Amino acid sequence: MIVSATLTGVEGLAERIARALAPRLAADAVATAAAALTAAAAREGVTLEAQAGDGGVRLGTDDPEAVARETGTLEQPADPWLQPALSGMRRRR
């Protein structure tokens, strides 16, 4: 017995599935990135605060010592904690 079948409309189905899943996948990716960056900052002793925004999450700190460490002061050179964490995130893509 030989059976053959023709499947049509697969492209449209794929597009509909992609449209349905894209927002969920994007939200998961944002949450995962925020968690990874928060964990990296915590390893450096910095507590980040998260604020949900337009399709993303803003992470920041109002700790003056953490800001001074990142940017440096007249008396103390910069010892960045944010830039290495961001570089690690870029490598994951």
PDB file of N, CA and C in Angstrom:
ATOM      1  N   MET A   1       0.837  -1.166   0.000  1.00  0.00           N
ATOM      2  CA  MET A   1       0.000   0.000   0.000  1.00  0.00           C
ATOM      3  C   MET A   1       0.886   1.235   0.000  1.00  0.00           C
ATOM      4  N   ILE A   2       0.644   2.119  -0.920  1.00  0.00           N
ATOM      5  CA  ILE A   2       1.382   3.373  -1.027  1.00  0.00           C
ATOM      6  C   ILE A   2       0.417   4.498  -0.687  1.00  0.00           C
ATOM      7  N   VAL A   3       0.853   5.323   0.255  1.00  0.00           N
ATOM      8  CA  VAL A   3       0.025   6.451   0.680  1.00  0.00           C
ATOM      9  C   VAL A   3       0.817   7.722   0.428  1.00  0.00           C
ATOM     10  N   SER A   4       0.187   8.677  -0.151  1.00  0.00           N
ATOM     11  CA  SER A   4       0.824   9.983  -0.326  1.00  0.00           C
ATOM     12  C   SER A   4      -0.144  11.047   0.157  1.00  0.00           C
ATOM     13  N   ALA A   5       0.428  12.116   0.633  1.00  0.00           N
ATOM     14  CA  ALA A   5      -0.406  13.203   1.149  1.00  0.00           C
ATOM     15  C   ALA A   5       0.239  14.526   0.774  1.00  0.00           C
ATOM     16  N   THR A   6      -0.583  15.512   0.621  1.00  0.00           N
ATOM     17  CA  THR A   6      -0.107  16.860   0.350  1.00  0.00           C
ATOM     18  C   THR A   6      -0.597  17.751   1.478  1.00  0.00           C
ATOM     19  N   LEU A   7       0.323  18.474   2.049  1.00  0.00           N
ATOM     20  CA  LEU A   7      -0.006  19.361   3.150  1.00  0.00           C
ATOM     21  C   LEU A   7       0.142  20.793   2.657  1.00  0.00           C
ATOM     22  N   THR A   8      -0.918  21.557   2.752  1.00  0.00           N
ATOM     23  CA  THR A   8      -0.867  22.952   2.323  1.00  0.00           C
ATOM     24  C   THR A   8      -1.162  23.850   3.516  1.00  0.00           C
ATOM     25  N   GLY A   9      -0.735  25.064   3.412  1.00  0.00           N
ATOM     26  CA  GLY A   9      -1.009  26.030   4.475  1.00  0.00           C
ATOM     27  C   GLY A   9      -0.015  25.980   5.619  1.00  0.00           C
ATOM     28  N   VAL A  10       1.075  25.252   5.449  1.00  0.00           N
ATOM     29  CA  VAL A  10       2.052  25.129   6.526  1.00  0.00           C
ATOM     30  C   VAL A  10       2.694  26.479   6.837  1.00  0.00           C
ATOM     31  N   GLU A  11       2.977  27.272   5.814  1.00  0.00           N
ATOM     32  CA  GLU A  11       3.600  28.571   6.039  1.00  0.00           C
ATOM     33  C   GLU A  11       2.699  29.459   6.894  1.00  0.00           C
ATOM     34  N   GLY A  12       1.423  29.463   6.578  1.00  0.00           N
ATOM     35  CA  GLY A  12       0.484  30.265   7.359  1.00  0.00           C
ATOM     36  C   GLY A  12       0.394  29.790   8.793  1.00  0.00           C
ATOM     37  N   LEU A  13       0.408  28.483   8.984  1.00  0.00           N
ATOM     38  CA  LEU A  13       0.364  27.923  10.332  1.00  0.00           C
ATOM     39  C   LEU A  13       1.612  28.334  11.110  1.00  0.00           C
ATOM     40  N   ALA A  14       2.761  28.245  10.465  1.00  0.00           N
ATOM     41  CA  ALA A  14       4.011  28.629  11.126  1.00  0.00           C
ATOM     42  C   ALA A  14       3.987  30.100  11.526  1.00  0.00           C
ATOM     43  N   GLU A  15       3.464  30.951  10.665  1.00  0.00           N
ATOM     44  CA  GLU A  15       3.383  32.377  10.985  1.00  0.00           C
ATOM     45  C   GLU A  15       2.439  32.629  12.153  1.00  0.00           C
ATOM     46  N   ARG A  16       1.309  31.946  12.181  1.00  0.00           N
ATOM     47  CA  ARG A  16       0.356  32.122  13.287  1.00  0.00           C
ATOM     48  C   ARG A  16       0.952  31.643  14.607  1.00  0.00           C
ATOM     49  N   ILE A  17       1.651  30.528  14.570  1.00  0.00           N
ATOM     50  CA  ILE A  17       2.287  30.022  15.792  1.00  0.00           C
ATOM     51  C   ILE A  17       3.355  31.003  16.269  1.00  0.00           C
ATOM     52  N   ALA A  18       4.153  31.519  15.345  1.00  0.00           N
ATOM     53  CA  ALA A  18       5.202  32.479  15.708  1.00  0.00           C
ATOM     54  C   ALA A  18       4.600  33.738  16.324  1.00  0.00           C
ATOM     55  N   ARG A  19       3.513  34.241  15.746  1.00  0.00           N
ATOM     56  CA  ARG A  19       2.859  35.435  16.302  1.00  0.00           C
ATOM     57  C   ARG A  19       2.313  35.160  17.692  1.00  0.00           C
ATOM     58  N   ALA A  20       1.781  33.973  17.905  1.00  0.00           N
ATOM     59  CA  ALA A  20       1.208  33.642  19.208  1.00  0.00           C
ATOM     60  C   ALA A  20       2.292  33.454  20.272  1.00  0.00           C
ATOM     61  N   LEU A  21       3.420  32.883  19.887  1.00  0.00           N
ATOM     62  CA  LEU A  21       4.457  32.576  20.864  1.00  0.00           C
ATOM     63  C   LEU A  21       5.453  33.706  21.089  1.00  0.00           C
ATOM     64  N   ALA A  22       5.611  34.593  20.134  1.00  0.00           N
ATOM     65  CA  ALA A  22       6.634  35.636  20.230  1.00  0.00           C
ATOM     66  C   ALA A  22       6.538  36.472  21.507  1.00  0.00           C
ATOM     67  N   PRO A  23       5.364  36.972  21.890  1.00  0.00           N
ATOM     68  CA  PRO A  23       5.315  37.778  23.118  1.00  0.00           C
ATOM     69  C   PRO A  23       5.723  36.984  24.357  1.00  0.00           C
ATOM     70  N   ARG A  24       5.290  35.735  24.427  1.00  0.00           N
ATOM     71  CA  ARG A  24       5.652  34.917  25.593  1.00  0.00           C
ATOM     72  C   ARG A  24       7.144  34.639  25.626  1.00  0.00           C
ATOM     73  N   LEU A  25       7.705  34.310  24.473  1.00  0.00           N
ATOM     74  CA  LEU A  25       9.137  34.029  24.418  1.00  0.00           C
ATOM     75  C   LEU A  25       9.949  35.274  24.732  1.00  0.00           C
ATOM     76  N   ALA A  26       9.511  36.419  24.235  1.00  0.00           N
ATOM     77  CA  ALA A  26      10.217  37.669  24.514  1.00  0.00           C
ATOM     78  C   ALA A  26      10.158  37.990  26.003  1.00  0.00           C
ATOM     79  N   ALA A  27       8.999  37.816  26.617  1.00  0.00           N
ATOM     80  CA  ALA A  27       8.866  38.078  28.051  1.00  0.00           C
ATOM     81  C   ALA A  27       9.759  37.140  28.854  1.00  0.00           C
ATOM     82  N   ASP A  28       9.815  35.875  28.460  1.00  0.00           N
ATOM     83  CA  ASP A  28      10.692  34.921  29.142  1.00  0.00           C
ATOM     84  C   ASP A  28      12.155  35.309  28.981  1.00  0.00           C
ATOM     85  N   ALA A  29      12.529  35.758  27.791  1.00  0.00           N
ATOM     86  CA  ALA A  29      13.918  36.165  27.545  1.00  0.00           C
ATOM     87  C   ALA A  29      14.289  37.377  28.391  1.00  0.00           C
ATOM     88  N   VAL A  30      13.387  38.345  28.497  1.00  0.00           N
ATOM     89  CA  VAL A  30      13.641  39.535  29.310  1.00  0.00           C
ATOM     90  C   VAL A  30      13.782  39.146  30.774  1.00  0.00           C
ATOM     91  N   ALA A  31      12.892  38.288  31.258  1.00  0.00           N
ATOM     92  CA  ALA A  31      12.952  37.857  32.655  1.00  0.00           C
ATOM     93  C   ALA A  31      14.239  37.091  32.943  1.00  0.00           C
ATOM     94  N   THR A  32      14.641  36.233  32.020  1.00  0.00           N
ATOM     95  CA  THR A  32      15.872  35.461  32.200  1.00  0.00           C
ATOM     96  C   THR A  32      17.094  36.373  32.213  1.00  0.00           C
ATOM     97  N   ALA A  33      17.128  37.339  31.306  1.00  0.00           N
ATOM     98  CA  ALA A  33      18.254  38.281  31.261  1.00  0.00           C
ATOM     99  C   ALA A  33      18.307  39.132  32.527  1.00  0.00           C
ATOM    100  N   ALA A  34      17.158  39.589  32.995  1.00  0.00           N
ATOM    101  CA  ALA A  34      17.116  40.393  34.217  1.00  0.00           C
ATOM    102  C   ALA A  34      17.598  39.580  35.412  1.00  0.00           C
ATOM    103  N   ALA A  35      17.174  38.325  35.492  1.00  0.00           N
ATOM    104  CA  ALA A  35      17.604  37.466  36.598  1.00  0.00           C
ATOM    105  C   ALA A  35      19.105  37.210  36.541  1.00  0.00           C
ATOM    106  N   ALA A  36      19.636  36.990  35.347  1.00  0.00           N
ATOM    107  CA  ALA A  36      21.074  36.735  35.206  1.00  0.00           C
ATOM    108  C   ALA A  36      21.890  37.968  35.582  1.00  0.00           C
ATOM    109  N   LEU A  37      21.450  39.143  35.153  1.00  0.00           N
ATOM    110  CA  LEU A  37      22.171  40.373  35.473  1.00  0.00           C
ATOM    111  C   LEU A  37      22.070  40.689  36.963  1.00  0.00           C
ATOM    112  N   THR A  38      20.907  40.454  37.553  1.00  0.00           N
ATOM    113  CA  THR A  38      20.739  40.663  38.987  1.00  0.00           C
ATOM    114  C   THR A  38      21.649  39.733  39.774  1.00  0.00           C
ATOM    115  N   ALA A  39      21.751  38.476  39.338  1.00  0.00           N
ATOM    116  CA  ALA A  39      22.627  37.512  40.013  1.00  0.00           C
ATOM    117  C   ALA A  39      24.092  37.916  39.872  1.00  0.00           C
ATOM    118  N   ALA A  40      24.483  38.388  38.688  1.00  0.00           N
ATOM    119  CA  ALA A  40      25.867  38.822  38.479  1.00  0.00           C
ATOM    120  C   ALA A  40      26.194  40.021  39.364  1.00  0.00           C
ATOM    121  N   ALA A  41      25.271  40.950  39.489  1.00  0.00           N
ATOM    122  CA  ALA A  41      25.488  42.114  40.348  1.00  0.00           C
ATOM    123  C   ALA A  41      25.540  41.696  41.813  1.00  0.00           C
ATOM    124  N   ALA A  42      24.699  40.740  42.201  1.00  0.00           N
ATOM    125  CA  ALA A  42      24.692  40.263  43.586  1.00  0.00           C
ATOM    126  C   ALA A  42      26.032  39.621  43.947  1.00  0.00           C
ATOM    127  N   ARG A  43      26.635  38.921  42.995  1.00  0.00           N
ATOM    128  CA  ARG A  43      27.954  38.327  43.256  1.00  0.00           C
ATOM    129  C   ARG A  43      29.003  39.403  43.522  1.00  0.00           C
ATOM    130  N   GLU A  44      28.770  40.601  42.998  1.00  0.00           N
ATOM    131  CA  GLU A  44      29.678  41.728  43.220  1.00  0.00           C
ATOM    132  C   GLU A  44      29.259  42.559  44.429  1.00  0.00           C
ATOM    133  N   GLY A  45      28.206  42.139  45.117  1.00  0.00           N
ATOM    134  CA  GLY A  45      27.753  42.839  46.306  1.00  0.00           C
ATOM    135  C   GLY A  45      26.830  44.010  46.039  1.00  0.00           C
ATOM    136  N   VAL A  46      26.227  44.062  44.868  1.00  0.00           N
ATOM    137  CA  VAL A  46      25.334  45.163  44.495  1.00  0.00           C
ATOM    138  C   VAL A  46      23.912  44.630  44.397  1.00  0.00           C
ATOM    139  N   THR A  47      22.988  45.320  45.041  1.00  0.00           N
ATOM    140  CA  THR A  47      21.581  44.945  44.975  1.00  0.00           C
ATOM    141  C   THR A  47      20.896  45.798  43.917  1.00  0.00           C
ATOM    142  N   LEU A  48      20.306  45.140  42.930  1.00  0.00           N
ATOM    143  CA  LEU A  48      19.611  45.859  41.864  1.00  0.00           C
ATOM    144  C   LEU A  48      18.117  45.879  42.134  1.00  0.00           C
ATOM    145  N   GLU A  49      17.485  46.976  41.744  1.00  0.00           N
ATOM    146  CA  GLU A  49      16.037  47.102  41.834  1.00  0.00           C
ATOM    147  C   GLU A  49      15.474  47.017  40.423  1.00  0.00           C
ATOM    148  N   ALA A  50      14.408  46.247  40.271  1.00  0.00           N
ATOM    149  CA  ALA A  50      13.787  46.055  38.954  1.00  0.00           C
ATOM    150  C   ALA A  50      12.545  46.926  38.840  1.00  0.00           C
ATOM    151  N   GLN A  51      12.365  47.501  37.652  1.00  0.00           N
ATOM    152  CA  GLN A  51      11.180  48.307  37.358  1.00  0.00           C
ATOM    153  C   GLN A  51      10.694  47.907  35.970  1.00  0.00           C
ATOM    154  N   ALA A  52       9.474  47.372  35.898  1.00  0.00           N
ATOM    155  CA  ALA A  52       8.913  46.951  34.609  1.00  0.00           C
ATOM    156  C   ALA A  52       8.621  48.178  33.763  1.00  0.00           C
ATOM    157  N   GLY A  53       8.914  48.046  32.458  1.00  0.00           N
ATOM    158  CA  GLY A  53       8.702  49.162  31.546  1.00  0.00           C
ATOM    159  C   GLY A  53       8.035  48.699  30.274  1.00  0.00           C
ATOM    160  N   ASP A  54       8.265  49.417  29.212  1.00  0.00           N
ATOM    161  CA  ASP A  54       7.671  49.118  27.911  1.00  0.00           C
ATOM    162  C   ASP A  54       8.286  47.857  27.317  1.00  0.00           C
ATOM    163  N   GLY A  55       7.735  46.719  27.649  1.00  0.00           N
ATOM    164  CA  GLY A  55       8.213  45.461  27.098  1.00  0.00           C
ATOM    165  C   GLY A  55       9.560  45.029  27.630  1.00  0.00           C
ATOM    166  N   GLY A  56      10.019  45.660  28.683  1.00  0.00           N
ATOM    167  CA  GLY A  56      11.319  45.308  29.236  1.00  0.00           C
ATOM    168  C   GLY A  56      11.355  45.561  30.725  1.00  0.00           C
ATOM    169  N   VAL A  57      12.515  45.374  31.285  1.00  0.00           N
ATOM    170  CA  VAL A  57      12.721  45.605  32.709  1.00  0.00           C
ATOM    171  C   VAL A  57      13.930  46.511  32.855  1.00  0.00           C
ATOM    172  N   ARG A  58      13.775  47.565  33.645  1.00  0.00           N
ATOM    173  CA  ARG A  58      14.908  48.449  33.934  1.00  0.00           C
ATOM    174  C   ARG A  58      15.496  48.016  35.260  1.00  0.00           C
ATOM    175  N   LEU A  59      16.788  47.801  35.264  1.00  0.00           N
ATOM    176  CA  LEU A  59      17.492  47.428  36.478  1.00  0.00           C
ATOM    177  C   LEU A  59      18.398  48.574  36.878  1.00  0.00           C
ATOM    178  N   GLY A  60      18.444  48.854  38.161  1.00  0.00           N
ATOM    179  CA  GLY A  60      19.310  49.929  38.615  1.00  0.00           C
ATOM    180  C   GLY A  60      19.512  49.867  40.109  1.00  0.00           C
ATOM    181  N   THR A  61      20.351  50.736  40.586  1.00  0.00           N
ATOM    182  CA  THR A  61      20.601  50.833  42.015  1.00  0.00           C
ATOM    183  C   THR A  61      20.730  52.301  42.388  1.00  0.00           C
ATOM    184  N   ASP A  62      20.299  52.611  43.584  1.00  0.00           N
ATOM    185  CA  ASP A  62      20.484  53.969  44.084  1.00  0.00           C
ATOM    186  C   ASP A  62      21.499  53.972  45.223  1.00  0.00           C
ATOM    187  N   ASP A  63      22.273  52.897  45.305  1.00  0.00           N
ATOM    188  CA  ASP A  63      23.321  52.782  46.307  1.00  0.00           C
ATOM    189  C   ASP A  63      24.503  53.656  45.884  1.00  0.00           C
ATOM    190  N   PRO A  64      24.800  54.720  46.635  1.00  0.00           N
ATOM    191  CA  PRO A  64      25.874  55.629  46.231  1.00  0.00           C
ATOM    192  C   PRO A  64      27.239  54.938  46.129  1.00  0.00           C
ATOM    193  N   GLU A  65      27.483  53.954  46.984  1.00  0.00           N
ATOM    194  CA  GLU A  65      28.766  53.248  46.929  1.00  0.00           C
ATOM    195  C   GLU A  65      28.899  52.440  45.643  1.00  0.00           C
ATOM    196  N   ALA A  66      27.801  51.806  45.209  1.00  0.00           N
ATOM    197  CA  ALA A  66      27.834  51.022  43.970  1.00  0.00           C
ATOM    198  C   ALA A  66      28.034  51.931  42.761  1.00  0.00           C
ATOM    199  N   VAL A  67      27.391  53.088  42.780  1.00  0.00           N
ATOM    200  CA  VAL A  67      27.549  54.038  41.674  1.00  0.00           C
ATOM    201  C   VAL A  67      28.977  54.579  41.651  1.00  0.00           C
ATOM    202  N   ALA A  68      29.516  54.917  42.815  1.00  0.00           N
ATOM    203  CA  ALA A  68      30.892  55.418  42.883  1.00  0.00           C
ATOM    204  C   ALA A  68      31.880  54.348  42.437  1.00  0.00           C
ATOM    205  N   ARG A  69      31.609  53.106  42.783  1.00  0.00           N
ATOM    206  CA  ARG A  69      32.489  52.014  42.355  1.00  0.00           C
ATOM    207  C   ARG A  69      32.466  51.862  40.835  1.00  0.00           C
ATOM    208  N   GLU A  70      31.283  51.984  40.240  1.00  0.00           N
ATOM    209  CA  GLU A  70      31.156  51.822  38.786  1.00  0.00           C
ATOM    210  C   GLU A  70      31.833  52.966  38.031  1.00  0.00           C
ATOM    211  N   THR A  71      31.622  54.189  38.485  1.00  0.00           N
ATOM    212  CA  THR A  71      32.103  55.356  37.739  1.00  0.00           C
ATOM    213  C   THR A  71      33.422  55.908  38.249  1.00  0.00           C
ATOM    214  N   GLY A  72      33.773  55.589  39.477  1.00  0.00           N
ATOM    215  CA  GLY A  72      34.987  56.125  40.075  1.00  0.00           C
ATOM    216  C   GLY A  72      34.732  57.497  40.686  1.00  0.00           C
ATOM    217  N   THR A  73      35.656  57.919  41.513  1.00  0.00           N
ATOM    218  CA  THR A  73      35.584  59.242  42.136  1.00  0.00           C
ATOM    219  C   THR A  73      36.942  59.907  41.966  1.00  0.00           C
ATOM    220  N   LEU A  74      37.078  61.115  42.495  1.00  0.00           N
ATOM    221  CA  LEU A  74      38.373  61.792  42.428  1.00  0.00           C
ATOM    222  C   LEU A  74      39.427  61.040  43.236  1.00  0.00           C
ATOM    223  N   GLU A  75      38.994  60.420  44.336  1.00  0.00           N
ATOM    224  CA  GLU A  75      39.927  59.717  45.204  1.00  0.00           C
ATOM    225  C   GLU A  75      40.115  58.250  44.824  1.00  0.00           C
ATOM    226  N   GLN A  76      39.145  57.683  44.157  1.00  0.00           N
ATOM    227  CA  GLN A  76      39.151  56.234  43.910  1.00  0.00           C
ATOM    228  C   GLN A  76      38.902  55.957  42.426  1.00  0.00           C
ATOM    229  N   PRO A  77      39.751  55.135  41.799  1.00  0.00           N
ATOM    230  CA  PRO A  77      39.504  54.793  40.390  1.00  0.00           C
ATOM    231  C   PRO A  77      38.285  53.878  40.251  1.00  0.00           C
ATOM    232  N   ALA A  78      37.733  53.859  39.079  1.00  0.00           N
ATOM    233  CA  ALA A  78      36.554  53.022  38.818  1.00  0.00           C
ATOM    234  C   ALA A  78      36.920  51.543  38.908  1.00  0.00           C
ATOM    235  N   ASP A  79      36.011  50.778  39.502  1.00  0.00           N
ATOM    236  CA  ASP A  79      36.121  49.314  39.571  1.00  0.00           C
ATOM    237  C   ASP A  79      34.770  48.776  39.110  1.00  0.00           C
ATOM    238  N   PRO A  80      34.524  48.759  37.794  1.00  0.00           N
ATOM    239  CA  PRO A  80      33.183  48.471  37.281  1.00  0.00           C
ATOM    240  C   PRO A  80      32.665  47.084  37.652  1.00  0.00           C
ATOM    241  N   TRP A  81      31.402  47.041  38.005  1.00  0.00           N
ATOM    242  CA  TRP A  81      30.702  45.782  38.246  1.00  0.00           C
ATOM    243  C   TRP A  81      29.660  45.556  37.165  1.00  0.00           C
ATOM    244  N   LEU A  82      29.167  46.627  36.551  1.00  0.00           N
ATOM    245  CA  LEU A  82      28.103  46.501  35.562  1.00  0.00           C
ATOM    246  C   LEU A  82      28.637  46.086  34.194  1.00  0.00           C
ATOM    247  N   GLN A  83      29.696  46.716  33.745  1.00  0.00           N
ATOM    248  CA  GLN A  83      30.212  46.425  32.404  1.00  0.00           C
ATOM    249  C   GLN A  83      30.610  44.959  32.227  1.00  0.00           C
ATOM    250  N   PRO A  84      31.316  44.333  33.178  1.00  0.00           N
ATOM    251  CA  PRO A  84      31.616  42.904  33.002  1.00  0.00           C
ATOM    252  C   PRO A  84      30.358  42.042  32.937  1.00  0.00           C
ATOM    253  N   ALA A  85      29.347  42.395  33.723  1.00  0.00           N
ATOM    254  CA  ALA A  85      28.099  41.618  33.692  1.00  0.00           C
ATOM    255  C   ALA A  85      27.404  41.776  32.348  1.00  0.00           C
ATOM    256  N   LEU A  86      27.396  42.994  31.808  1.00  0.00           N
ATOM    257  CA  LEU A  86      26.771  43.214  30.500  1.00  0.00           C
ATOM    258  C   LEU A  86      27.543  42.509  29.395  1.00  0.00           C
ATOM    259  N   SER A  87      28.868  42.503  29.498  1.00  0.00           N
ATOM    260  CA  SER A  87      29.672  41.795  28.498  1.00  0.00           C
ATOM    261  C   SER A  87      29.347  40.311  28.502  1.00  0.00           C
ATOM    262  N   GLY A  88      29.153  39.755  29.687  1.00  0.00           N
ATOM    263  CA  GLY A  88      28.771  38.347  29.784  1.00  0.00           C
ATOM    264  C   GLY A  88      27.419  38.078  29.161  1.00  0.00           C
ATOM    265  N   MET A  89      26.499  39.033  29.283  1.00  0.00           N
ATOM    266  CA  MET A  89      25.172  38.862  28.688  1.00  0.00           C
ATOM    267  C   MET A  89      25.269  38.904  27.164  1.00  0.00           C
ATOM    268  N   ARG A  90      26.106  39.766  26.629  1.00  0.00           N
ATOM    269  CA  ARG A  90      26.243  39.874  25.172  1.00  0.00           C
ATOM    270  C   ARG A  90      26.816  38.596  24.577  1.00  0.00           C
ATOM    271  N   ARG A  91      27.706  37.938  25.301  1.00  0.00           N
ATOM    272  CA  ARG A  91      28.306  36.704  24.796  1.00  0.00           C
ATOM    273  C   ARG A  91      27.302  35.567  24.739  1.00  0.00           C
ATOM    274  N   ARG A  92      26.224  35.643  25.508  1.00  0.00           N
ATOM    275  CA  ARG A  92      25.241  34.554  25.554  1.00  0.00           C
ATOM    276  C   ARG A  92      24.337  34.515  24.342  1.00  0.00           C
ATOM    277  N   ARG A  93      24.249  35.583  23.589  1.00  0.00           N
ATOM    278  CA  ARG A  93      23.319  35.625  22.454  1.00  0.00           C
ATOM    279  C   ARG A  93      23.613  34.574  21.442  1.00  0.00           C
TER     280      ARG A  93
END
